[in-house]
């Protein structure tokens, strides 16, 4: 078990969004809209898949001043571009 997996298991998300059916740039647009609605310190669980979203959504969240707590495959046998869970803590921006 990786450090991120341990961290993810101990973190309870306050909100969640599934963007597995979206393509960039809508993946981060939807994530950003929800981040704007939640309170600083709350955690967003983002379900995503595909090479571009797996790179762009965490990077964009960091660029907007939020903290990426974990990015892990949803299941142990998930392919590299398969479904992942991204945990983001909203920061004061």
Protein backbone atom coordinates (compact mmCIF):
# COMPACT_ATOMS: atom_id res chain seq x y z
CA UNK A 1 0.00 0.00 0.00
CA UNK A 2 1.40 3.39 -0.97
CA UNK A 3 1.51 6.44 1.26
CA UNK A 4 -1.18 8.05 -0.92
CA UNK A 5 -3.43 5.02 -0.46
CA UNK A 6 -3.08 5.21 3.31
CA UNK A 7 -3.78 8.92 3.20
CA UNK A 8 -6.84 8.44 0.98
CA UNK A 9 -8.32 5.81 3.30
CA UNK A 10 -8.09 8.16 6.27
CA UNK A 11 -9.54 11.19 4.47
CA UNK A 12 -13.27 11.68 4.28
CA UNK A 13 -14.45 13.73 1.30
CA UNK A 14 -17.07 16.39 1.86
CA UNK A 15 -18.15 16.50 -1.80
CA UNK A 16 -17.74 14.35 -4.89
CA UNK A 17 -17.99 14.65 -8.64
CA UNK A 18 -17.76 12.09 -11.44
CA UNK A 19 -16.14 13.46 -14.60
CA UNK A 20 -15.31 10.11 -16.20
CA UNK A 21 -17.55 10.81 -19.19
CA UNK A 22 -16.16 14.30 -19.90
CA UNK A 23 -13.24 15.36 -22.06
CA UNK A 24 -10.78 18.20 -21.54
CA UNK A 25 -11.24 21.08 -20.95
CA UNK A 26 -14.67 20.29 -19.44
CA UNK A 27 -13.06 17.96 -16.90
CA UNK A 28 -11.45 20.83 -15.02
CA UNK A 29 -14.24 23.30 -15.78
CA UNK A 30 -16.72 21.09 -13.89
CA UNK A 31 -14.22 20.47 -11.10
CA UNK A 32 -13.46 24.20 -10.79
CA UNK A 33 -17.16 25.12 -10.65
CA UNK A 34 -17.69 22.75 -7.73
CA UNK A 35 -14.52 23.94 -5.98
CA UNK A 36 -15.88 27.49 -6.20
CA UNK A 37 -19.05 26.42 -4.36
CA UNK A 38 -17.45 24.59 -1.43
CA UNK A 39 -15.87 26.10 1.67
CA UNK A 40 -12.10 26.39 2.20
CA UNK A 41 -10.77 23.30 3.99
CA UNK A 42 -13.40 21.00 2.51
CA UNK A 43 -12.31 18.03 0.44
CA UNK A 44 -13.52 17.16 -3.04
CA UNK A 45 -13.36 13.58 -4.36
CA UNK A 46 -13.06 13.64 -8.15
CA UNK A 47 -13.63 10.44 -10.13
CA UNK A 48 -11.81 10.76 -13.46
CA UNK A 49 -10.20 8.75 -16.24
CA UNK A 50 -8.03 9.20 -19.31
CA UNK A 51 -4.52 10.48 -19.88
CA UNK A 52 -5.36 14.19 -20.26
CA UNK A 53 -7.66 14.50 -17.22
CA UNK A 54 -5.21 12.54 -15.05
CA UNK A 55 -2.53 15.10 -15.87
CA UNK A 56 -4.53 18.30 -16.34
CA UNK A 57 -7.04 18.23 -13.47
CA UNK A 58 -4.51 17.81 -10.63
CA UNK A 59 -2.15 20.31 -12.27
CA UNK A 60 -4.92 22.88 -12.75
CA UNK A 61 -6.13 22.42 -9.17
CA UNK A 62 -2.61 23.14 -7.89
CA UNK A 63 -2.28 26.15 -10.21
CA UNK A 64 -5.48 27.55 -8.70
CA UNK A 65 -3.96 27.25 -5.22
CA UNK A 66 -5.64 24.06 -4.00
CA UNK A 67 -3.92 21.03 -2.45
CA UNK A 68 -3.93 17.64 -4.16
CA UNK A 69 -4.06 15.11 -1.33
CA UNK A 70 -4.11 11.90 -3.37
CA UNK A 71 -4.45 10.49 -6.88
CA UNK A 72 -4.95 6.73 -6.88
CA UNK A 73 -6.49 4.09 -9.16
CA UNK A 74 -10.05 3.26 -8.13
CA UNK A 75 -9.22 -0.44 -8.03
CA UNK A 76 -5.84 -2.20 -7.70
CA UNK A 77 -6.11 -3.69 -11.22
CA UNK A 78 -7.15 -0.42 -12.91
CA UNK A 79 -5.21 0.30 -16.13
CA UNK A 80 -2.92 3.38 -16.10
CA UNK A 81 -5.50 5.56 -17.91
CA UNK A 82 -8.46 3.94 -16.18
CA UNK A 83 -10.67 5.35 -13.46
CA UNK A 84 -8.83 7.15 -10.66
CA UNK A 85 -9.86 9.05 -7.52
CA UNK A 86 -8.42 12.49 -6.96
CA UNK A 87 -8.75 14.16 -3.57
CA UNK A 88 -8.46 17.95 -3.54
CA UNK A 89 -8.58 20.19 -0.48
CA UNK A 90 -9.94 23.63 -1.28
CA UNK A 91 -7.64 26.37 -0.05
CA UNK A 92 -8.31 30.07 0.45
CA UNK A 93 -7.62 31.67 -2.90
